[in-house]
Amino acid sequence: MATTLPPAGTESLIEYPSDFPIKVMGPTHIDFAPTILALVVKHDPTFHAGKMEERPSAKGNYTGLTVTVRATSRPQLDALYTELSAHPMVKIVM
């Protein structure tokens, strides 16, 4: 089940602070998980590799990551989604 944020300017359905899963998918590459890890830590300093689940696609061409961040505010999540979505290694953020 994918969790998405409500549109900006609307009330949040998320209670802060809370653990919030984000799914990130990109082409399989040796640097994909470490790159996403470094990016997520910028927005959630408590995040560590043990909180990241990694799954390859059926053919192995893509890697899916689930990162469960400690969400402390809507601006924090918005900034994280924006940076993840803009990264050239990332194809999908949910």
PDB file of N, CA and C in Angstrom:
ATOM      1  N   MET A   1       0.839  -1.177   0.000  1.00  0.00           N
ATOM      2  CA  MET A   1       0.000   0.000   0.000  1.00  0.00           C
ATOM      3  C   MET A   1       0.882   1.238   0.000  1.00  0.00           C
ATOM      4  N   ALA A   2       0.747   2.064  -0.998  1.00  0.00           N
ATOM      5  CA  ALA A   2       1.546   3.278  -1.110  1.00  0.00           C
ATOM      6  C   ALA A   2       0.910   4.390  -0.289  1.00  0.00           C
ATOM      7  N   THR A   3       1.736   5.149   0.371  1.00  0.00           N
ATOM      8  CA  THR A   3       1.272   6.282   1.146  1.00  0.00           C
ATOM      9  C   THR A   3       1.699   7.541   0.413  1.00  0.00           C
ATOM     10  N   THR A   4       0.758   8.445   0.202  1.00  0.00           N
ATOM     11  CA  THR A   4       1.096   9.689  -0.476  1.00  0.00           C
ATOM     12  C   THR A   4       0.690  10.858   0.393  1.00  0.00           C
ATOM     13  N   LEU A   5       1.319  11.978   0.136  1.00  0.00           N
ATOM     14  CA  LEU A   5       1.002  13.192   0.876  1.00  0.00           C
ATOM     15  C   LEU A   5      -0.170  13.902   0.227  1.00  0.00           C
ATOM     16  N   PRO A   6      -1.022  14.552   1.027  1.00  0.00           N
ATOM     17  CA  PRO A   6      -2.074  15.366   0.434  1.00  0.00           C
ATOM     18  C   PRO A   6      -1.467  16.561  -0.279  1.00  0.00           C
ATOM     19  N   PRO A   7      -2.171  17.181  -1.215  1.00  0.00           N
ATOM     20  CA  PRO A   7      -1.631  18.336  -1.932  1.00  0.00           C
ATOM     21  C   PRO A   7      -1.218  19.450  -0.979  1.00  0.00           C
ATOM     22  N   ALA A   8      -0.202  20.191  -1.383  1.00  0.00           N
ATOM     23  CA  ALA A   8       0.264  21.314  -0.565  1.00  0.00           C
ATOM     24  C   ALA A   8      -0.888  22.281  -0.325  1.00  0.00           C
ATOM     25  N   GLY A   9      -0.920  22.834   0.872  1.00  0.00           N
ATOM     26  CA  GLY A   9      -1.972  23.790   1.204  1.00  0.00           C
ATOM     27  C   GLY A   9      -3.183  23.138   1.849  1.00  0.00           C
ATOM     28  N   THR A  10      -3.201  21.806   1.923  1.00  0.00           N
ATOM     29  CA  THR A  10      -4.308  21.128   2.592  1.00  0.00           C
ATOM     30  C   THR A  10      -3.812  20.623   3.934  1.00  0.00           C
ATOM     31  N   GLU A  11      -4.754  20.304   4.809  1.00  0.00           N
ATOM     32  CA  GLU A  11      -4.367  19.786   6.106  1.00  0.00           C
ATOM     33  C   GLU A  11      -3.731  18.420   5.971  1.00  0.00           C
ATOM     34  N   SER A  12      -2.748  18.166   6.788  1.00  0.00           N
ATOM     35  CA  SER A  12      -2.051  16.887   6.756  1.00  0.00           C
ATOM     36  C   SER A  12      -2.847  15.848   7.542  1.00  0.00           C
ATOM     37  N   LEU A  13      -2.868  14.634   7.018  1.00  0.00           N
ATOM     38  CA  LEU A  13      -3.506  13.521   7.712  1.00  0.00           C
ATOM     39  C   LEU A  13      -2.499  12.785   8.584  1.00  0.00           C
ATOM     40  N   ILE A  14      -1.265  13.234   8.551  1.00  0.00           N
ATOM     41  CA  ILE A  14      -0.179  12.594   9.282  1.00  0.00           C
ATOM     42  C   ILE A  14      -0.004  13.299  10.616  1.00  0.00           C
ATOM     43  N   GLU A  15       0.156  12.503  11.668  1.00  0.00           N
ATOM     44  CA  GLU A  15       0.475  13.078  12.973  1.00  0.00           C
ATOM     45  C   GLU A  15       1.988  13.103  13.100  1.00  0.00           C
ATOM     46  N   TYR A  16       2.521  14.218  13.552  1.00  0.00           N
ATOM     47  CA  TYR A  16       3.967  14.358  13.700  1.00  0.00           C
ATOM     48  C   TYR A  16       4.333  14.363  15.168  1.00  0.00           C
ATOM     49  N   PRO A  17       5.464  13.779  15.523  1.00  0.00           N
ATOM     50  CA  PRO A  17       6.343  12.958  14.696  1.00  0.00           C
ATOM     51  C   PRO A  17       5.763  11.551  14.513  1.00  0.00           C
ATOM     52  N   SER A  18       6.148  10.918  13.405  1.00  0.00           N
ATOM     53  CA  SER A  18       5.734   9.537  13.142  1.00  0.00           C
ATOM     54  C   SER A  18       6.693   8.898  12.151  1.00  0.00           C
ATOM     55  N   ASP A  19       6.678   7.565  12.126  1.00  0.00           N
ATOM     56  CA  ASP A  19       7.473   6.844  11.143  1.00  0.00           C
ATOM     57  C   ASP A  19       6.682   6.823   9.842  1.00  0.00           C
ATOM     58  N   PHE A  20       7.341   7.182   8.736  1.00  0.00           N
ATOM     59  CA  PHE A  20       6.656   7.353   7.466  1.00  0.00           C
ATOM     60  C   PHE A  20       7.426   6.620   6.366  1.00  0.00           C
ATOM     61  N   PRO A  21       6.820   5.576   5.773  1.00  0.00           N
ATOM     62  CA  PRO A  21       7.505   4.834   4.713  1.00  0.00           C
ATOM     63  C   PRO A  21       7.418   5.550   3.373  1.00  0.00           C
ATOM     64  N   ILE A  22       8.528   5.559   2.652  1.00  0.00           N
ATOM     65  CA  ILE A  22       8.604   6.128   1.311  1.00  0.00           C
ATOM     66  C   ILE A  22       9.235   5.080   0.408  1.00  0.00           C
ATOM     67  N   LYS A  23       8.609   4.838  -0.741  1.00  0.00           N
ATOM     68  CA  LYS A  23       9.155   3.885  -1.707  1.00  0.00           C
ATOM     69  C   LYS A  23       9.854   4.656  -2.812  1.00  0.00           C
ATOM     70  N   VAL A  24      11.062   4.191  -3.135  1.00  0.00           N
ATOM     71  CA  VAL A  24      11.892   4.834  -4.149  1.00  0.00           C
ATOM     72  C   VAL A  24      12.343   3.753  -5.123  1.00  0.00           C
ATOM     73  N   MET A  25      12.178   4.007  -6.422  1.00  0.00           N
ATOM     74  CA  MET A  25      12.599   3.030  -7.411  1.00  0.00           C
ATOM     75  C   MET A  25      13.514   3.682  -8.435  1.00  0.00           C
ATOM     76  N   GLY A  26      14.535   2.920  -8.838  1.00  0.00           N
ATOM     77  CA  GLY A  26      15.462   3.397  -9.850  1.00  0.00           C
ATOM     78  C   GLY A  26      16.171   2.230 -10.501  1.00  0.00           C
ATOM     79  N   PRO A  27      16.904   2.476 -11.586  1.00  0.00           N
ATOM     80  CA  PRO A  27      17.650   1.418 -12.249  1.00  0.00           C
ATOM     81  C   PRO A  27      18.652   0.778 -11.278  1.00  0.00           C
ATOM     82  N   THR A  28      18.818  -0.526 -11.381  1.00  0.00           N
ATOM     83  CA  THR A  28      19.769  -1.219 -10.521  1.00  0.00           C
ATOM     84  C   THR A  28      21.182  -0.703 -10.806  1.00  0.00           C
ATOM     85  N   HIS A  29      21.847  -0.262  -9.751  1.00  0.00           N
ATOM     86  CA  HIS A  29      23.206   0.285  -9.850  1.00  0.00           C
ATOM     87  C   HIS A  29      23.839   0.118  -8.477  1.00  0.00           C
ATOM     88  N   ILE A  30      25.120  -0.165  -8.459  1.00  0.00           N
ATOM     89  CA  ILE A  30      25.820  -0.392  -7.190  1.00  0.00           C
ATOM     90  C   ILE A  30      25.725   0.809  -6.247  1.00  0.00           C
ATOM     91  N   ASP A  31      25.612   2.011  -6.795  1.00  0.00           N
ATOM     92  CA  ASP A  31      25.567   3.222  -5.967  1.00  0.00           C
ATOM     93  C   ASP A  31      24.154   3.690  -5.620  1.00  0.00           C
ATOM     94  N   PHE A  32      23.125   2.991  -6.102  1.00  0.00           N
ATOM     95  CA  PHE A  32      21.755   3.474  -5.888  1.00  0.00           C
ATOM     96  C   PHE A  32      21.408   3.554  -4.402  1.00  0.00           C
ATOM     97  N   ALA A  33      21.488   2.434  -3.682  1.00  0.00           N
ATOM     98  CA  ALA A  33      21.109   2.436  -2.259  1.00  0.00           C
ATOM     99  C   ALA A  33      21.971   3.394  -1.435  1.00  0.00           C
ATOM    100  N   PRO A  34      23.310   3.400  -1.595  1.00  0.00           N
ATOM    101  CA  PRO A  34      24.103   4.360  -0.808  1.00  0.00           C
ATOM    102  C   PRO A  34      23.773   5.821  -1.124  1.00  0.00           C
ATOM    103  N   THR A  35      23.452   6.103  -2.379  1.00  0.00           N
ATOM    104  CA  THR A  35      23.103   7.474  -2.768  1.00  0.00           C
ATOM    105  C   THR A  35      21.801   7.904  -2.106  1.00  0.00           C
ATOM    106  N   ILE A  36      20.802   7.024  -2.138  1.00  0.00           N
ATOM    107  CA  ILE A  36      19.509   7.332  -1.517  1.00  0.00           C
ATOM    108  C   ILE A  36      19.674   7.441  -0.003  1.00  0.00           C
ATOM    109  N   LEU A  37      20.471   6.569   0.582  1.00  0.00           N
ATOM    110  CA  LEU A  37      20.738   6.632   2.018  1.00  0.00           C
ATOM    111  C   LEU A  37      21.295   7.999   2.405  1.00  0.00           C
ATOM    112  N   ALA A  38      22.298   8.472   1.678  1.00  0.00           N
ATOM    113  CA  ALA A  38      22.906   9.775   1.989  1.00  0.00           C
ATOM    114  C   ALA A  38      21.900  10.911   1.850  1.00  0.00           C
ATOM    115  N   LEU A  39      21.061  10.831   0.842  1.00  0.00           N
ATOM    116  CA  LEU A  39      20.061  11.865   0.615  1.00  0.00           C
ATOM    117  C   LEU A  39      19.024  11.881   1.754  1.00  0.00           C
ATOM    118  N   VAL A  40      18.572  10.701   2.157  1.00  0.00           N
ATOM    119  CA  VAL A  40      17.555  10.613   3.214  1.00  0.00           C
ATOM    120  C   VAL A  40      18.119  11.103   4.547  1.00  0.00           C
ATOM    121  N   VAL A  41      19.369  10.771   4.842  1.00  0.00           N
ATOM    122  CA  VAL A  41      19.984  11.196   6.107  1.00  0.00           C
ATOM    123  C   VAL A  41      20.049  12.718   6.220  1.00  0.00           C
ATOM    124  N   LYS A  42      20.166  13.408   5.075  1.00  0.00           N
ATOM    125  CA  LYS A  42      20.153  14.879   5.107  1.00  0.00           C
ATOM    126  C   LYS A  42      18.844  15.408   5.682  1.00  0.00           C
ATOM    127  N   HIS A  43      17.752  14.700   5.454  1.00  0.00           N
ATOM    128  CA  HIS A  43      16.429  15.153   5.900  1.00  0.00           C
ATOM    129  C   HIS A  43      15.978  14.501   7.204  1.00  0.00           C
ATOM    130  N   ASP A  44      16.571  13.346   7.517  1.00  0.00           N
ATOM    131  CA  ASP A  44      16.269  12.642   8.770  1.00  0.00           C
ATOM    132  C   ASP A  44      17.582  12.107   9.336  1.00  0.00           C
ATOM    133  N   PRO A  45      18.250  12.887  10.180  1.00  0.00           N
ATOM    134  CA  PRO A  45      19.550  12.473  10.722  1.00  0.00           C
ATOM    135  C   PRO A  45      19.496  11.175  11.532  1.00  0.00           C
ATOM    136  N   THR A  46      18.309  10.738  11.948  1.00  0.00           N
ATOM    137  CA  THR A  46      18.201   9.491  12.715  1.00  0.00           C
ATOM    138  C   THR A  46      18.129   8.268  11.802  1.00  0.00           C
ATOM    139  N   PHE A  47      18.002   8.485  10.492  1.00  0.00           N
ATOM    140  CA  PHE A  47      17.873   7.370   9.554  1.00  0.00           C
ATOM    141  C   PHE A  47      19.210   6.636   9.413  1.00  0.00           C
ATOM    142  N   HIS A  48      19.123   5.305   9.260  1.00  0.00           N
ATOM    143  CA  HIS A  48      20.322   4.496   9.037  1.00  0.00           C
ATOM    144  C   HIS A  48      19.967   3.346   8.095  1.00  0.00           C
ATOM    145  N   ALA A  49      20.978   2.694   7.560  1.00  0.00           N
ATOM    146  CA  ALA A  49      20.792   1.641   6.549  1.00  0.00           C
ATOM    147  C   ALA A  49      19.889   0.510   7.036  1.00  0.00           C
ATOM    148  N   GLY A  50      19.857   0.259   8.329  1.00  0.00           N
ATOM    149  CA  GLY A  50      19.004  -0.792   8.872  1.00  0.00           C
ATOM    150  C   GLY A  50      17.519  -0.508   8.715  1.00  0.00           C
ATOM    151  N   LYS A  51      17.160   0.745   8.431  1.00  0.00           N
ATOM    152  CA  LYS A  51      15.765   1.128   8.227  1.00  0.00           C
ATOM    153  C   LYS A  51      15.371   1.086   6.755  1.00  0.00           C
ATOM    154  N   MET A  52      16.272   0.603   5.890  1.00  0.00           N
ATOM    155  CA  MET A  52      16.011   0.587   4.453  1.00  0.00           C
ATOM    156  C   MET A  52      15.825  -0.856   3.986  1.00  0.00           C
ATOM    157  N   GLU A  53      14.723  -1.095   3.275  1.00  0.00           N
ATOM    158  CA  GLU A  53      14.477  -2.400   2.668  1.00  0.00           C
ATOM    159  C   GLU A  53      14.765  -2.290   1.177  1.00  0.00           C
ATOM    160  N   GLU A  54      15.448  -3.292   0.634  1.00  0.00           N
ATOM    161  CA  GLU A  54      15.832  -3.273  -0.775  1.00  0.00           C
ATOM    162  C   GLU A  54      15.258  -4.497  -1.474  1.00  0.00           C
ATOM    163  N   ARG A  55      14.618  -4.264  -2.639  1.00  0.00           N
ATOM    164  CA  ARG A  55      14.046  -5.369  -3.413  1.00  0.00           C
ATOM    165  C   ARG A  55      14.352  -5.155  -4.894  1.00  0.00           C
ATOM    166  N   PRO A  56      14.930  -6.167  -5.534  1.00  0.00           N
ATOM    167  CA  PRO A  56      15.143  -6.061  -6.983  1.00  0.00           C
ATOM    168  C   PRO A  56      13.847  -6.360  -7.728  1.00  0.00           C
ATOM    169  N   SER A  57      13.727  -5.820  -8.942  1.00  0.00           N
ATOM    170  CA  SER A  57      12.571  -6.147  -9.783  1.00  0.00           C
ATOM    171  C   SER A  57      12.726  -7.587 -10.271  1.00  0.00           C
ATOM    172  N   ALA A  58      11.679  -8.125 -10.881  1.00  0.00           N
ATOM    173  CA  ALA A  58      11.686  -9.520 -11.341  1.00  0.00           C
ATOM    174  C   ALA A  58      12.852  -9.806 -12.282  1.00  0.00           C
ATOM    175  N   LYS A  59      13.142  -8.890 -13.178  1.00  0.00           N
ATOM    176  CA  LYS A  59      14.236  -9.093 -14.135  1.00  0.00           C
ATOM    177  C   LYS A  59      15.561  -8.515 -13.639  1.00  0.00           C
ATOM    178  N   GLY A  60      15.534  -7.838 -12.502  1.00  0.00           N
ATOM    179  CA  GLY A  60      16.756  -7.280 -11.935  1.00  0.00           C
ATOM    180  C   GLY A  60      17.192  -5.961 -12.535  1.00  0.00           C
ATOM    181  N   ASN A  61      16.370  -5.385 -13.402  1.00  0.00           N
ATOM    182  CA  ASN A  61      16.747  -4.114 -14.036  1.00  0.00           C
ATOM    183  C   ASN A  61      16.547  -2.916 -13.110  1.00  0.00           C
ATOM    184  N   TYR A  62      15.635  -3.042 -12.167  1.00  0.00           N
ATOM    185  CA  TYR A  62      15.316  -1.955 -11.250  1.00  0.00           C
ATOM    186  C   TYR A  62      15.439  -2.431  -9.815  1.00  0.00           C
ATOM    187  N   THR A  63      15.679  -1.468  -8.936  1.00  0.00           N
ATOM    188  CA  THR A  63      15.738  -1.746  -7.508  1.00  0.00           C
ATOM    189  C   THR A  63      14.719  -0.862  -6.816  1.00  0.00           C
ATOM    190  N   GLY A  64      13.939  -1.464  -5.940  1.00  0.00           N
ATOM    191  CA  GLY A  64      12.987  -0.720  -5.123  1.00  0.00           C
ATOM    192  C   GLY A  64      13.506  -0.624  -3.703  1.00  0.00           C
ATOM    193  N   LEU A  65      13.435   0.559  -3.159  1.00  0.00           N
ATOM    194  CA  LEU A  65      13.842   0.782  -1.773  1.00  0.00           C
ATOM    195  C   LEU A  65      12.647   1.299  -0.996  1.00  0.00           C
ATOM    196  N   THR A  66      12.482   0.808   0.213  1.00  0.00           N
ATOM    197  CA  THR A  66      11.516   1.388   1.139  1.00  0.00           C
ATOM    198  C   THR A  66      12.323   1.985   2.275  1.00  0.00           C
ATOM    199  N   VAL A  67      12.198   3.295   2.432  1.00  0.00           N
ATOM    200  CA  VAL A  67      12.892   3.991   3.514  1.00  0.00           C
ATOM    201  C   VAL A  67      11.825   4.492   4.481  1.00  0.00           C
ATOM    202  N   THR A  68      11.979   4.144   5.744  1.00  0.00           N
ATOM    203  CA  THR A  68      11.019   4.585   6.754  1.00  0.00           C
ATOM    204  C   THR A  68      11.685   5.687   7.561  1.00  0.00           C
ATOM    205  N   VAL A  69      11.262   6.911   7.266  1.00  0.00           N
ATOM    206  CA  VAL A  69      11.860   8.080   7.916  1.00  0.00           C
ATOM    207  C   VAL A  69      11.051   8.479   9.138  1.00  0.00           C
ATOM    208  N   ARG A  70      11.696   9.212  10.019  1.00  0.00           N
ATOM    209  CA  ARG A  70      11.017   9.793  11.173  1.00  0.00           C
ATOM    210  C   ARG A  70      10.539  11.172  10.737  1.00  0.00           C
ATOM    211  N   ALA A  71       9.269  11.260  10.375  1.00  0.00           N
ATOM    212  CA  ALA A  71       8.698  12.515   9.879  1.00  0.00           C
ATOM    213  C   ALA A  71       8.398  13.430  11.064  1.00  0.00           C
ATOM    214  N   THR A  72       8.958  14.629  10.996  1.00  0.00           N
ATOM    215  CA  THR A  72       8.737  15.586  12.079  1.00  0.00           C
ATOM    216  C   THR A  72       7.868  16.765  11.647  1.00  0.00           C
ATOM    217  N   SER A  73       7.697  16.940  10.308  1.00  0.00           N
ATOM    218  CA  SER A  73       6.868  18.043   9.823  1.00  0.00           C
ATOM    219  C   SER A  73       6.546  17.853   8.348  1.00  0.00           C
ATOM    220  N   ARG A  74       5.524  18.535   7.892  1.00  0.00           N
ATOM    221  CA  ARG A  74       5.168  18.517   6.475  1.00  0.00           C
ATOM    222  C   ARG A  74       6.280  19.113   5.611  1.00  0.00           C
ATOM    223  N   PRO A  75       6.880  20.255   6.012  1.00  0.00           N
ATOM    224  CA  PRO A  75       7.981  20.795   5.206  1.00  0.00           C
ATOM    225  C   PRO A  75       9.157  19.814   5.060  1.00  0.00           C
ATOM    226  N   GLN A  76       9.447  19.052   6.105  1.00  0.00           N
ATOM    227  CA  GLN A  76      10.518  18.057   6.022  1.00  0.00           C
ATOM    228  C   GLN A  76      10.195  17.015   4.951  1.00  0.00           C
ATOM    229  N   LEU A  77       8.977  16.479   4.973  1.00  0.00           N
ATOM    230  CA  LEU A  77       8.581  15.472   3.984  1.00  0.00           C
ATOM    231  C   LEU A  77       8.538  16.056   2.578  1.00  0.00           C
ATOM    232  N   ASP A  78       8.022  17.267   2.443  1.00  0.00           N
ATOM    233  CA  ASP A  78       7.980  17.914   1.124  1.00  0.00           C
ATOM    234  C   ASP A  78       9.388  18.066   0.550  1.00  0.00           C
ATOM    235  N   ALA A  79      10.323  18.507   1.375  1.00  0.00           N
ATOM    236  CA  ALA A  79      11.701  18.699   0.914  1.00  0.00           C
ATOM    237  C   ALA A  79      12.334  17.365   0.519  1.00  0.00           C
ATOM    238  N   LEU A  80      12.073  16.327   1.291  1.00  0.00           N
ATOM    239  CA  LEU A  80      12.616  15.006   0.982  1.00  0.00           C
ATOM    240  C   LEU A  80      12.036  14.475  -0.325  1.00  0.00           C
ATOM    241  N   TYR A  81      10.714  14.553  -0.494  1.00  0.00           N
ATOM    242  CA  TYR A  81      10.076  14.110  -1.744  1.00  0.00           C
ATOM    243  C   TYR A  81      10.619  14.896  -2.940  1.00  0.00           C
ATOM    244  N   THR A  82      10.779  16.200  -2.788  1.00  0.00           N
ATOM    245  CA  THR A  82      11.275  17.039  -3.877  1.00  0.00           C
ATOM    246  C   THR A  82      12.683  16.622  -4.279  1.00  0.00           C
ATOM    247  N   GLU A  83      13.545  16.436  -3.299  1.00  0.00           N
ATOM    248  CA  GLU A  83      14.932  16.076  -3.609  1.00  0.00           C
ATOM    249  C   GLU A  83      15.027  14.673  -4.193  1.00  0.00           C
ATOM    250  N   LEU A  84      14.268  13.729  -3.646  1.00  0.00           N
ATOM    251  CA  LEU A  84      14.270  12.369  -4.206  1.00  0.00           C
ATOM    252  C   LEU A  84      13.776  12.380  -5.653  1.00  0.00           C
ATOM    253  N   SER A  85      12.657  13.063  -5.897  1.00  0.00           N
ATOM    254  CA  SER A  85      12.057  13.096  -7.235  1.00  0.00           C
ATOM    255  C   SER A  85      12.981  13.739  -8.260  1.00  0.00           C
ATOM    256  N   ALA A  86      13.803  14.681  -7.841  1.00  0.00           N
ATOM    257  CA  ALA A  86      14.682  15.397  -8.760  1.00  0.00           C
ATOM    258  C   ALA A  86      15.992  14.664  -9.027  1.00  0.00           C
ATOM    259  N   HIS A  87      16.299  13.651  -8.231  1.00  0.00           N
ATOM    260  CA  HIS A  87      17.588  12.966  -8.384  1.00  0.00           C
ATOM    261  C   HIS A  87      17.597  12.150  -9.683  1.00  0.00           C
ATOM    262  N   PRO A  88      18.689  12.224 -10.449  1.00  0.00           N
ATOM    263  CA  PRO A  88      18.735  11.524 -11.742  1.00  0.00           C
ATOM    264  C   PRO A  88      18.697  10.000 -11.651  1.00  0.00           C
ATOM    265  N   MET A  89      19.019   9.419 -10.503  1.00  0.00           N
ATOM    266  CA  MET A  89      18.974   7.963 -10.363  1.00  0.00           C
ATOM    267  C   MET A  89      17.569   7.455 -10.037  1.00  0.00           C
ATOM    268  N   VAL A  90      16.674   8.346  -9.659  1.00  0.00           N
ATOM    269  CA  VAL A  90      15.343   7.967  -9.192  1.00  0.00           C
ATOM    270  C   VAL A  90      14.321   8.068 -10.321  1.00  0.00           C
ATOM    271  N   LYS A  91      13.538   6.998 -10.488  1.00  0.00           N
ATOM    272  CA  LYS A  91      12.470   6.990 -11.502  1.00  0.00           C
ATOM    273  C   LYS A  91      11.117   7.254 -10.872  1.00  0.00           C
ATOM    274  N   ILE A  92      10.864   6.700  -9.682  1.00  0.00           N
ATOM    275  CA  ILE A  92       9.547   6.818  -9.028  1.00  0.00           C
ATOM    276  C   ILE A  92       9.744   7.019  -7.527  1.00  0.00           C
ATOM    277  N   VAL A  93       8.921   7.903  -6.948  1.00  0.00           N
ATOM    278  CA  VAL A  93       8.858   8.092  -5.494  1.00  0.00           C
ATOM    279  C   VAL A  93       7.389   8.013  -5.100  1.00  0.00           C
ATOM    280  N   MET A  94       7.098   7.150  -4.153  1.00  0.00           N
ATOM    281  CA  MET A  94       5.710   7.006  -3.679  1.00  0.00           C
ATOM    282  C   MET A  94       5.681   7.082  -2.156  1.00  0.00           C
TER     283      MET A  94
END
